[in-house]
């Protein structure tokens, strides 16, 4: 069976037997998810690339402990978030690039006139900037919920916190965005819930 059609479990079993092609297949399958999540949290493309590499190094070094019966995705989210926290903890959060990916997902693209497109671009910029000001715990929940479309339960498992804590962080993040963005945020809950 080719790597493209193999399940995560099959690839993990092969990796546990030191098949590096299986690691490559997992990398191809999950690199966008890991990179996008890391970038949205740390807001630095170079750091997100480093986190991506570190994440798959951990897949390789921890392959013996991965359960072939479980999806790899939740484990990868947990590792990505932890590596992102570690990077931010080292002071990497200063002078970072904007959260373009999250804002682009939060503001749905439309076919509009040049004036409307300019307004939409400004709104995206403001949303990116606002998300970047959130405390890291709230930013991570916003990224996992809105950008990656994970359920509250999945986020709770990834972060190893109660579902109520995830709900609380998401609530306070939304409230903070409403305060920061003012009247332009009236669309946020509808648009955000609409694309998940």
N, C-alpha and C. Protein backbone atom coordinates (compact mmCIF):
# COMPACT_ATOMS: atom_id res chain seq x y z
N UNK A 1 0.85 -1.18 0.00
CA UNK A 1 0.00 0.00 0.00
C UNK A 1 0.89 1.24 0.00
N UNK A 2 0.57 2.25 -0.80
CA UNK A 2 1.37 3.46 -0.88
C UNK A 2 1.18 4.30 0.38
N UNK A 3 2.16 5.16 0.63
CA UNK A 3 2.09 6.04 1.79
C UNK A 3 0.86 6.94 1.74
N UNK A 4 0.48 7.33 0.53
CA UNK A 4 -0.65 8.25 0.37
C UNK A 4 -1.96 7.64 0.88
N UNK A 5 -2.13 6.36 0.70
CA UNK A 5 -3.38 5.69 1.09
C UNK A 5 -3.30 5.00 2.44
N UNK A 6 -2.12 4.91 3.01
CA UNK A 6 -1.95 4.22 4.30
C UNK A 6 -2.58 5.03 5.42
N UNK A 7 -3.13 4.35 6.40
CA UNK A 7 -3.70 5.02 7.56
C UNK A 7 -2.57 5.50 8.47
N UNK A 8 -2.90 6.39 9.40
CA UNK A 8 -1.92 6.83 10.39
C UNK A 8 -1.35 5.62 11.13
N UNK A 9 -2.23 4.71 11.52
CA UNK A 9 -1.80 3.53 12.27
C UNK A 9 -0.80 2.68 11.51
N UNK A 10 -1.07 2.50 10.21
CA UNK A 10 -0.13 1.72 9.39
C UNK A 10 1.22 2.41 9.28
N UNK A 11 1.17 3.74 9.11
CA UNK A 11 2.42 4.49 9.01
C UNK A 11 3.18 4.48 10.34
N UNK A 12 2.47 4.58 11.44
CA UNK A 12 3.12 4.54 12.75
C UNK A 12 3.77 3.17 12.97
N UNK A 13 3.08 2.11 12.61
CA UNK A 13 3.67 0.76 12.73
C UNK A 13 4.95 0.64 11.91
N UNK A 14 4.90 1.17 10.70
CA UNK A 14 6.10 1.13 9.85
C UNK A 14 7.22 1.99 10.43
N UNK A 15 6.85 3.14 10.97
CA UNK A 15 7.86 4.01 11.60
C UNK A 15 8.49 3.31 12.80
N UNK A 16 7.69 2.58 13.55
CA UNK A 16 8.21 1.85 14.71
C UNK A 16 9.21 0.78 14.29
N UNK A 17 9.18 0.42 13.01
CA UNK A 17 10.15 -0.53 12.45
C UNK A 17 11.26 0.20 11.70
N UNK A 18 11.42 1.50 11.99
CA UNK A 18 12.46 2.37 11.41
C UNK A 18 12.31 2.60 9.91
N UNK A 19 11.07 2.63 9.42
CA UNK A 19 10.80 2.95 8.02
C UNK A 19 10.67 4.47 7.91
N UNK A 20 11.73 5.13 7.42
CA UNK A 20 11.72 6.59 7.34
C UNK A 20 10.79 7.11 6.25
N UNK A 21 10.43 6.27 5.29
CA UNK A 21 9.44 6.69 4.29
C UNK A 21 8.08 6.94 4.97
N UNK A 22 7.80 6.18 6.01
CA UNK A 22 6.56 6.37 6.76
C UNK A 22 6.57 7.72 7.46
N UNK A 23 7.73 8.10 8.01
CA UNK A 23 7.86 9.43 8.64
C UNK A 23 7.64 10.51 7.59
N UNK A 24 8.22 10.32 6.41
CA UNK A 24 8.02 11.29 5.33
C UNK A 24 6.56 11.42 4.94
N UNK A 25 5.86 10.29 4.90
CA UNK A 25 4.43 10.32 4.55
C UNK A 25 3.63 11.05 5.61
N UNK A 26 3.95 10.83 6.88
CA UNK A 26 3.26 11.55 7.97
C UNK A 26 3.57 13.04 7.90
N UNK A 27 4.80 13.38 7.58
CA UNK A 27 5.19 14.78 7.45
C UNK A 27 4.37 15.46 6.34
N UNK A 28 4.29 14.81 5.18
CA UNK A 28 3.52 15.38 4.07
C UNK A 28 2.05 15.53 4.47
N UNK A 29 1.52 14.55 5.18
CA UNK A 29 0.10 14.55 5.58
C UNK A 29 -0.21 15.67 6.57
N UNK A 30 0.70 15.94 7.50
CA UNK A 30 0.38 16.84 8.62
C UNK A 30 1.19 18.13 8.66
N UNK A 31 2.09 18.35 7.73
CA UNK A 31 2.95 19.53 7.84
C UNK A 31 2.15 20.84 7.80
N UNK A 32 1.14 20.92 6.95
CA UNK A 32 0.36 22.17 6.87
C UNK A 32 -0.36 22.43 8.19
N UNK A 33 -0.95 21.40 8.79
CA UNK A 33 -1.65 21.55 10.06
C UNK A 33 -0.69 22.04 11.15
N UNK A 34 0.47 21.43 11.25
CA UNK A 34 1.43 21.79 12.29
C UNK A 34 1.97 23.19 12.06
N UNK A 35 2.39 23.48 10.84
CA UNK A 35 2.96 24.79 10.53
C UNK A 35 1.93 25.90 10.75
N UNK A 36 0.73 25.71 10.24
CA UNK A 36 -0.33 26.72 10.36
C UNK A 36 -0.65 27.00 11.83
N UNK A 37 -0.72 25.96 12.63
CA UNK A 37 -1.02 26.13 14.06
C UNK A 37 0.12 26.85 14.76
N UNK A 38 1.35 26.44 14.50
CA UNK A 38 2.50 27.09 15.13
C UNK A 38 2.59 28.55 14.70
N UNK A 39 2.41 28.82 13.43
CA UNK A 39 2.49 30.20 12.93
C UNK A 39 1.44 31.09 13.58
N UNK A 40 0.24 30.58 13.71
CA UNK A 40 -0.83 31.38 14.31
C UNK A 40 -0.56 31.66 15.78
N UNK A 41 0.17 30.78 16.46
CA UNK A 41 0.46 31.00 17.88
C UNK A 41 1.68 31.89 18.06
N UNK A 42 2.78 31.58 17.37
CA UNK A 42 4.03 32.30 17.62
C UNK A 42 4.20 33.52 16.74
N UNK A 43 3.49 33.58 15.62
CA UNK A 43 3.50 34.72 14.72
C UNK A 43 4.87 35.01 14.13
N UNK A 44 5.63 33.96 13.86
CA UNK A 44 6.95 34.10 13.27
C UNK A 44 7.17 32.93 12.32
N UNK A 45 7.25 33.20 11.00
CA UNK A 45 7.38 32.10 10.04
C UNK A 45 8.61 31.22 10.29
N UNK A 46 9.74 31.81 10.62
CA UNK A 46 10.95 31.02 10.86
C UNK A 46 10.78 30.14 12.09
N UNK A 47 10.19 30.69 13.14
CA UNK A 47 9.96 29.91 14.36
C UNK A 47 8.96 28.79 14.08
N UNK A 48 7.91 29.08 13.29
CA UNK A 48 6.92 28.06 12.95
C UNK A 48 7.57 26.93 12.17
N UNK A 49 8.50 27.26 11.29
CA UNK A 49 9.23 26.24 10.53
C UNK A 49 10.08 25.39 11.47
N UNK A 50 10.74 26.03 12.44
CA UNK A 50 11.53 25.28 13.43
C UNK A 50 10.64 24.36 14.26
N UNK A 51 9.49 24.87 14.66
CA UNK A 51 8.55 24.07 15.45
C UNK A 51 8.06 22.88 14.63
N UNK A 52 7.80 23.10 13.35
CA UNK A 52 7.40 22.01 12.46
C UNK A 52 8.46 20.92 12.45
N UNK A 53 9.71 21.31 12.28
CA UNK A 53 10.80 20.32 12.25
C UNK A 53 10.93 19.61 13.60
N UNK A 54 10.86 20.39 14.69
CA UNK A 54 10.97 19.80 16.04
C UNK A 54 9.82 18.83 16.31
N UNK A 55 8.64 19.18 15.83
CA UNK A 55 7.47 18.34 16.04
C UNK A 55 7.67 16.97 15.39
N UNK A 56 8.17 16.96 14.16
CA UNK A 56 8.35 15.68 13.49
C UNK A 56 9.59 14.94 13.98
N UNK A 57 10.52 15.66 14.56
CA UNK A 57 11.62 14.98 15.24
C UNK A 57 11.06 14.22 16.45
N UNK A 58 10.11 14.84 17.13
CA UNK A 58 9.46 14.16 18.26
C UNK A 58 8.63 12.96 17.79
N UNK A 59 8.00 13.07 16.64
CA UNK A 59 7.29 11.91 16.10
C UNK A 59 8.27 10.75 15.94
N UNK A 60 9.44 11.06 15.39
CA UNK A 60 10.43 10.01 15.17
C UNK A 60 10.97 9.45 16.49
N UNK A 61 11.34 10.34 17.42
CA UNK A 61 11.95 9.87 18.67
C UNK A 61 10.95 9.21 19.61
N UNK A 62 9.67 9.53 19.47
CA UNK A 62 8.64 8.95 20.33
C UNK A 62 7.78 7.90 19.61
N UNK A 63 8.20 7.48 18.44
CA UNK A 63 7.41 6.55 17.63
C UNK A 63 7.03 5.29 18.40
N UNK A 64 7.93 4.79 19.21
CA UNK A 64 7.66 3.55 19.96
C UNK A 64 6.50 3.72 20.94
N UNK A 65 6.23 4.96 21.35
CA UNK A 65 5.19 5.22 22.34
C UNK A 65 3.86 5.66 21.70
N UNK A 66 3.85 5.83 20.38
CA UNK A 66 2.62 6.23 19.70
C UNK A 66 1.73 5.01 19.49
N UNK A 67 0.45 5.19 19.76
CA UNK A 67 -0.50 4.08 19.60
C UNK A 67 -1.02 4.06 18.17
N UNK A 68 -0.75 2.99 17.43
CA UNK A 68 -1.23 2.90 16.05
C UNK A 68 -2.76 2.89 15.95
N UNK A 69 -3.44 2.63 17.05
CA UNK A 69 -4.90 2.58 17.02
C UNK A 69 -5.54 3.96 17.16
N UNK A 70 -4.74 4.98 17.44
CA UNK A 70 -5.26 6.34 17.61
C UNK A 70 -4.81 7.23 16.46
N UNK A 71 -5.62 8.23 16.18
CA UNK A 71 -5.24 9.23 15.18
C UNK A 71 -4.03 10.00 15.70
N UNK A 72 -3.13 10.36 14.81
CA UNK A 72 -1.93 11.11 15.20
C UNK A 72 -2.25 12.59 15.40
N UNK A 73 -3.30 13.08 14.80
CA UNK A 73 -3.61 14.51 14.80
C UNK A 73 -3.68 15.14 16.20
N UNK A 74 -4.43 14.59 17.15
CA UNK A 74 -4.48 15.23 18.48
C UNK A 74 -3.11 15.29 19.16
N UNK A 75 -2.32 14.24 19.01
CA UNK A 75 -0.98 14.22 19.59
C UNK A 75 -0.12 15.32 18.96
N UNK A 76 -0.23 15.48 17.64
CA UNK A 76 0.53 16.53 16.95
C UNK A 76 0.11 17.92 17.40
N UNK A 77 -1.19 18.13 17.60
CA UNK A 77 -1.64 19.44 18.11
C UNK A 77 -1.03 19.70 19.48
N UNK A 78 -1.04 18.71 20.35
CA UNK A 78 -0.50 18.89 21.69
C UNK A 78 0.99 19.24 21.63
N UNK A 79 1.74 18.51 20.82
CA UNK A 79 3.18 18.77 20.70
C UNK A 79 3.41 20.16 20.09
N UNK A 80 2.65 20.51 19.07
CA UNK A 80 2.79 21.82 18.43
C UNK A 80 2.52 22.94 19.42
N UNK A 81 1.45 22.81 20.19
CA UNK A 81 1.12 23.84 21.18
C UNK A 81 2.21 23.92 22.24
N UNK A 82 2.68 22.78 22.72
CA UNK A 82 3.73 22.79 23.75
C UNK A 82 5.03 23.40 23.23
N UNK A 83 5.42 23.05 22.01
CA UNK A 83 6.63 23.65 21.42
C UNK A 83 6.45 25.16 21.22
N UNK A 84 5.24 25.57 20.85
CA UNK A 84 4.96 27.00 20.67
C UNK A 84 5.03 27.74 22.00
N UNK A 85 4.45 27.13 23.04
CA UNK A 85 4.56 27.71 24.38
C UNK A 85 6.02 27.86 24.79
N UNK A 86 6.80 26.83 24.55
CA UNK A 86 8.21 26.86 24.92
C UNK A 86 8.95 27.97 24.17
N UNK A 87 8.64 28.11 22.89
CA UNK A 87 9.29 29.17 22.11
C UNK A 87 8.91 30.55 22.64
N UNK A 88 7.63 30.74 22.92
CA UNK A 88 7.18 32.02 23.47
C UNK A 88 7.79 32.26 24.85
N UNK A 89 7.93 31.20 25.64
CA UNK A 89 8.52 31.32 26.97
C UNK A 89 9.96 31.76 26.94
N UNK A 90 10.63 31.53 25.82
CA UNK A 90 12.01 31.97 25.68
C UNK A 90 12.09 33.41 25.20
N UNK A 91 10.96 34.10 25.16
CA UNK A 91 10.95 35.51 24.77
C UNK A 91 10.79 35.73 23.29
N UNK A 92 10.37 34.73 22.56
CA UNK A 92 10.25 34.84 21.11
C UNK A 92 9.05 35.63 20.63
N UNK A 93 8.17 36.06 21.55
CA UNK A 93 6.94 36.70 21.11
C UNK A 93 7.14 38.16 20.71
N UNK A 94 8.30 38.73 20.88
CA UNK A 94 8.51 40.14 20.54
C UNK A 94 8.70 40.31 19.03
N UNK A 95 8.12 41.39 18.49
CA UNK A 95 8.28 41.76 17.09
C UNK A 95 7.96 40.62 16.13
N UNK A 96 6.77 40.09 16.24
CA UNK A 96 6.37 38.97 15.40
C UNK A 96 5.51 39.44 14.22
N UNK A 97 5.45 38.61 13.21
CA UNK A 97 4.60 38.88 12.05
C UNK A 97 3.13 38.75 12.45
N UNK A 98 2.22 39.38 11.71
CA UNK A 98 0.79 39.30 12.05
C UNK A 98 0.21 37.91 11.84
N UNK A 99 -0.93 37.68 12.45
CA UNK A 99 -1.62 36.39 12.35
C UNK A 99 -2.52 36.38 11.12
N UNK A 100 -1.90 36.45 9.95
CA UNK A 100 -2.67 36.53 8.71
C UNK A 100 -3.59 35.35 8.51
N UNK A 101 -3.11 34.17 8.81
CA UNK A 101 -3.91 32.98 8.53
C UNK A 101 -5.20 32.97 9.33
N UNK A 102 -5.12 33.26 10.62
CA UNK A 102 -6.31 33.26 11.45
C UNK A 102 -7.30 34.31 10.97
N UNK A 103 -6.80 35.50 10.72
CA UNK A 103 -7.69 36.57 10.29
C UNK A 103 -8.35 36.24 8.96
N UNK A 104 -7.61 35.65 8.05
CA UNK A 104 -8.19 35.28 6.76
C UNK A 104 -9.30 34.25 6.93
N UNK A 105 -9.14 33.35 7.90
CA UNK A 105 -10.19 32.36 8.16
C UNK A 105 -11.38 32.98 8.89
N UNK A 106 -11.12 33.97 9.75
CA UNK A 106 -12.20 34.59 10.51
C UNK A 106 -13.05 35.53 9.65
N UNK A 107 -12.43 36.15 8.66
CA UNK A 107 -13.16 37.08 7.79
C UNK A 107 -13.32 36.37 6.45
N UNK A 108 -14.54 35.98 6.14
CA UNK A 108 -14.76 35.20 4.92
C UNK A 108 -14.51 36.06 3.68
N UNK A 109 -13.84 35.49 2.68
CA UNK A 109 -13.57 36.25 1.45
C UNK A 109 -14.85 36.44 0.64
N UNK A 110 -14.96 37.59 0.00
CA UNK A 110 -16.14 37.90 -0.80
C UNK A 110 -15.71 38.58 -2.10
N UNK A 111 -16.53 38.46 -3.10
CA UNK A 111 -16.30 39.19 -4.36
C UNK A 111 -16.94 40.56 -4.15
N UNK A 112 -16.11 41.59 -4.11
CA UNK A 112 -16.63 42.91 -3.78
C UNK A 112 -15.98 43.99 -4.63
N UNK A 113 -16.52 45.19 -4.48
CA UNK A 113 -15.97 46.35 -5.17
C UNK A 113 -14.62 46.71 -4.54
N UNK A 114 -13.81 47.52 -5.22
CA UNK A 114 -12.51 47.92 -4.66
C UNK A 114 -12.64 48.57 -3.28
N UNK A 115 -13.68 49.40 -3.08
CA UNK A 115 -13.86 50.02 -1.77
C UNK A 115 -14.15 48.98 -0.70
N UNK A 116 -15.00 48.02 -1.04
CA UNK A 116 -15.33 46.97 -0.08
C UNK A 116 -14.12 46.09 0.20
N UNK A 117 -13.32 45.80 -0.83
CA UNK A 117 -12.11 45.00 -0.64
C UNK A 117 -11.11 45.71 0.25
N UNK A 118 -10.99 47.03 0.08
CA UNK A 118 -10.09 47.81 0.93
C UNK A 118 -10.57 47.76 2.38
N UNK A 119 -11.86 47.90 2.57
CA UNK A 119 -12.43 47.82 3.92
C UNK A 119 -12.21 46.44 4.53
N UNK A 120 -12.38 45.40 3.72
CA UNK A 120 -12.18 44.03 4.19
C UNK A 120 -10.71 43.79 4.57
N UNK A 121 -9.79 44.33 3.77
CA UNK A 121 -8.36 44.19 4.06
C UNK A 121 -8.03 44.87 5.38
N UNK A 122 -8.59 46.04 5.59
CA UNK A 122 -8.37 46.76 6.85
C UNK A 122 -8.94 45.97 8.03
N UNK A 123 -10.12 45.39 7.85
CA UNK A 123 -10.72 44.59 8.90
C UNK A 123 -9.85 43.38 9.23
N UNK A 124 -9.35 42.69 8.21
CA UNK A 124 -8.44 41.55 8.44
C UNK A 124 -7.21 41.99 9.24
N UNK A 125 -6.65 43.11 8.83
CA UNK A 125 -5.46 43.62 9.54
C UNK A 125 -5.79 43.88 11.01
N UNK A 126 -6.93 44.51 11.26
CA UNK A 126 -7.33 44.80 12.63
C UNK A 126 -7.58 43.53 13.44
N UNK A 127 -8.19 42.52 12.79
CA UNK A 127 -8.44 41.25 13.48
C UNK A 127 -7.12 40.57 13.81
N UNK A 128 -6.20 40.52 12.85
CA UNK A 128 -4.87 39.92 13.09
C UNK A 128 -4.19 40.60 14.26
N UNK A 129 -4.22 41.91 14.24
CA UNK A 129 -3.56 42.69 15.30
C UNK A 129 -4.22 42.41 16.65
N UNK A 130 -5.54 42.36 16.66
CA UNK A 130 -6.27 42.12 17.91
C UNK A 130 -5.98 40.72 18.45
N UNK A 131 -5.98 39.71 17.60
CA UNK A 131 -5.69 38.35 18.06
C UNK A 131 -4.27 38.28 18.61
N UNK A 132 -3.37 39.01 18.00
CA UNK A 132 -1.99 39.03 18.47
C UNK A 132 -1.82 39.62 19.85
N UNK A 133 -2.79 40.42 20.30
CA UNK A 133 -2.69 41.03 21.63
C UNK A 133 -3.28 40.16 22.73
N UNK A 134 -3.98 39.09 22.34
CA UNK A 134 -4.60 38.22 23.34
C UNK A 134 -3.52 37.52 24.18
N UNK A 135 -3.82 37.25 25.45
CA UNK A 135 -2.91 36.41 26.24
C UNK A 135 -2.74 35.07 25.55
N UNK A 136 -1.59 34.47 25.70
CA UNK A 136 -1.26 33.25 24.94
C UNK A 136 -2.29 32.14 25.15
N UNK A 137 -2.80 31.95 26.35
CA UNK A 137 -3.79 30.89 26.59
C UNK A 137 -5.06 31.12 25.77
N UNK A 138 -5.48 32.38 25.67
CA UNK A 138 -6.66 32.69 24.86
C UNK A 138 -6.34 32.58 23.37
N UNK A 139 -5.16 33.04 22.96
CA UNK A 139 -4.77 32.98 21.56
C UNK A 139 -4.73 31.53 21.08
N UNK A 140 -4.18 30.64 21.89
CA UNK A 140 -4.09 29.23 21.51
C UNK A 140 -5.48 28.64 21.30
N UNK A 141 -6.42 28.95 22.19
CA UNK A 141 -7.78 28.42 22.06
C UNK A 141 -8.44 28.98 20.80
N UNK A 142 -8.25 30.27 20.52
CA UNK A 142 -8.81 30.88 19.30
C UNK A 142 -8.24 30.18 18.06
N UNK A 143 -6.94 29.94 18.06
CA UNK A 143 -6.30 29.27 16.92
C UNK A 143 -6.84 27.86 16.73
N UNK A 144 -6.91 27.10 17.81
CA UNK A 144 -7.37 25.72 17.69
C UNK A 144 -8.85 25.64 17.32
N UNK A 145 -9.65 26.55 17.87
CA UNK A 145 -11.10 26.50 17.64
C UNK A 145 -11.46 27.06 16.26
N UNK A 146 -10.99 28.28 15.97
CA UNK A 146 -11.40 28.93 14.72
C UNK A 146 -10.55 28.53 13.53
N UNK A 147 -9.25 28.48 13.68
CA UNK A 147 -8.39 28.17 12.55
C UNK A 147 -8.43 26.69 12.21
N UNK A 148 -8.33 25.84 13.23
CA UNK A 148 -8.26 24.41 12.99
C UNK A 148 -9.60 23.70 13.10
N UNK A 149 -10.64 24.40 13.58
CA UNK A 149 -11.97 23.82 13.63
C UNK A 149 -12.12 22.68 14.62
N UNK A 150 -11.33 22.68 15.68
CA UNK A 150 -11.43 21.61 16.67
C UNK A 150 -12.60 21.86 17.62
N UNK A 151 -13.14 20.79 18.15
CA UNK A 151 -14.23 20.91 19.12
C UNK A 151 -13.67 21.34 20.47
N UNK A 152 -14.55 21.81 21.34
CA UNK A 152 -14.13 22.19 22.68
C UNK A 152 -13.53 21.00 23.42
N UNK A 153 -14.12 19.83 23.23
CA UNK A 153 -13.62 18.61 23.88
C UNK A 153 -12.21 18.27 23.37
N UNK A 154 -12.01 18.35 22.07
CA UNK A 154 -10.69 18.06 21.51
C UNK A 154 -9.64 19.04 22.05
N UNK A 155 -9.99 20.31 22.12
CA UNK A 155 -9.05 21.31 22.63
C UNK A 155 -8.73 21.02 24.09
N UNK A 156 -9.74 20.66 24.88
CA UNK A 156 -9.52 20.33 26.29
C UNK A 156 -8.54 19.17 26.42
N UNK A 157 -8.69 18.16 25.58
CA UNK A 157 -7.77 17.01 25.63
C UNK A 157 -6.37 17.40 25.21
N UNK A 158 -6.26 18.20 24.18
CA UNK A 158 -4.94 18.63 23.70
C UNK A 158 -4.21 19.46 24.75
N UNK A 159 -4.93 20.38 25.38
CA UNK A 159 -4.32 21.27 26.37
C UNK A 159 -4.29 20.68 27.77
N UNK A 160 -4.97 19.53 27.94
CA UNK A 160 -5.05 18.86 29.24
C UNK A 160 -5.66 19.77 30.30
N UNK A 161 -6.79 20.37 29.92
CA UNK A 161 -7.56 21.22 30.83
C UNK A 161 -9.02 20.82 30.71
N UNK A 162 -9.85 21.18 31.70
CA UNK A 162 -11.29 20.88 31.59
C UNK A 162 -11.94 21.65 30.44
N UNK A 163 -13.03 21.10 29.91
CA UNK A 163 -13.78 21.77 28.85
C UNK A 163 -14.23 23.15 29.30
N UNK A 164 -14.61 23.27 30.57
CA UNK A 164 -15.02 24.57 31.10
C UNK A 164 -13.93 25.62 30.99
N UNK A 165 -12.70 25.21 31.16
CA UNK A 165 -11.57 26.14 31.02
C UNK A 165 -11.44 26.60 29.58
N UNK A 166 -11.62 25.68 28.64
CA UNK A 166 -11.57 26.04 27.22
C UNK A 166 -12.69 27.03 26.90
N UNK A 167 -13.90 26.73 27.38
CA UNK A 167 -15.03 27.64 27.14
C UNK A 167 -14.76 29.02 27.72
N UNK A 168 -14.21 29.04 28.92
CA UNK A 168 -13.90 30.31 29.58
C UNK A 168 -12.87 31.11 28.79
N UNK A 169 -11.80 30.45 28.34
CA UNK A 169 -10.77 31.14 27.56
C UNK A 169 -11.33 31.67 26.25
N UNK A 170 -12.17 30.87 25.62
CA UNK A 170 -12.78 31.29 24.36
C UNK A 170 -13.73 32.47 24.59
N UNK A 171 -14.49 32.42 25.67
CA UNK A 171 -15.40 33.52 26.00
C UNK A 171 -14.62 34.81 26.23
N UNK A 172 -13.57 34.74 27.06
CA UNK A 172 -12.80 35.94 27.36
C UNK A 172 -12.04 36.44 26.14
N UNK A 173 -11.62 35.54 25.27
CA UNK A 173 -10.97 35.96 24.03
C UNK A 173 -11.95 36.72 23.15
N UNK A 174 -13.18 36.21 23.02
CA UNK A 174 -14.20 36.90 22.22
C UNK A 174 -14.52 38.27 22.80
N UNK A 175 -14.66 38.31 24.13
CA UNK A 175 -14.95 39.59 24.78
C UNK A 175 -13.82 40.59 24.56
N UNK A 176 -12.58 40.12 24.68
CA UNK A 176 -11.42 41.00 24.45
C UNK A 176 -11.41 41.51 23.01
N UNK A 177 -11.73 40.62 22.06
CA UNK A 177 -11.77 41.05 20.67
C UNK A 177 -12.88 42.06 20.43
N UNK A 178 -14.01 41.88 21.10
CA UNK A 178 -15.11 42.87 20.97
C UNK A 178 -14.67 44.22 21.48
N UNK A 179 -13.96 44.23 22.61
CA UNK A 179 -13.49 45.50 23.19
C UNK A 179 -12.46 46.14 22.27
N UNK A 180 -11.51 45.37 21.79
CA UNK A 180 -10.44 45.90 20.95
C UNK A 180 -10.97 46.39 19.60
N UNK A 181 -11.85 45.59 18.99
CA UNK A 181 -12.31 45.90 17.64
C UNK A 181 -13.55 46.79 17.61
N UNK A 182 -14.22 46.94 18.74
CA UNK A 182 -15.39 47.80 18.80
C UNK A 182 -16.50 47.33 17.89
N UNK A 183 -17.17 48.25 17.22
CA UNK A 183 -18.35 47.90 16.44
C UNK A 183 -18.05 47.01 15.23
N UNK A 184 -16.81 46.94 14.79
CA UNK A 184 -16.50 46.11 13.61
C UNK A 184 -16.58 44.63 13.91
N UNK A 185 -16.66 44.26 15.20
CA UNK A 185 -16.63 42.85 15.56
C UNK A 185 -18.02 42.22 15.58
N UNK A 186 -19.06 42.95 15.23
CA UNK A 186 -20.42 42.39 15.28
C UNK A 186 -20.54 41.11 14.46
N UNK A 187 -19.68 40.93 13.47
CA UNK A 187 -19.71 39.76 12.60
C UNK A 187 -18.98 38.57 13.19
N UNK A 188 -18.13 38.78 14.19
CA UNK A 188 -17.19 37.74 14.62
C UNK A 188 -17.85 36.41 14.98
N UNK A 189 -18.83 36.36 15.89
CA UNK A 189 -19.37 35.04 16.23
C UNK A 189 -20.03 34.36 15.03
N UNK A 190 -20.77 35.10 14.23
CA UNK A 190 -21.46 34.51 13.11
C UNK A 190 -20.48 33.96 12.08
N UNK A 191 -19.50 34.77 11.70
CA UNK A 191 -18.54 34.33 10.69
C UNK A 191 -17.68 33.20 11.23
N UNK A 192 -17.22 33.34 12.47
CA UNK A 192 -16.36 32.32 13.05
C UNK A 192 -17.08 30.99 13.15
N UNK A 193 -18.31 31.01 13.61
CA UNK A 193 -19.04 29.75 13.73
C UNK A 193 -19.44 29.23 12.35
N UNK A 194 -19.57 30.12 11.39
CA UNK A 194 -20.02 29.71 10.07
C UNK A 194 -19.06 28.88 9.27
N UNK A 195 -17.75 28.99 9.53
CA UNK A 195 -16.84 28.22 8.67
C UNK A 195 -16.35 26.95 9.31
N UNK A 196 -16.76 26.66 10.53
CA UNK A 196 -16.32 25.43 11.18
C UNK A 196 -17.21 24.29 10.74
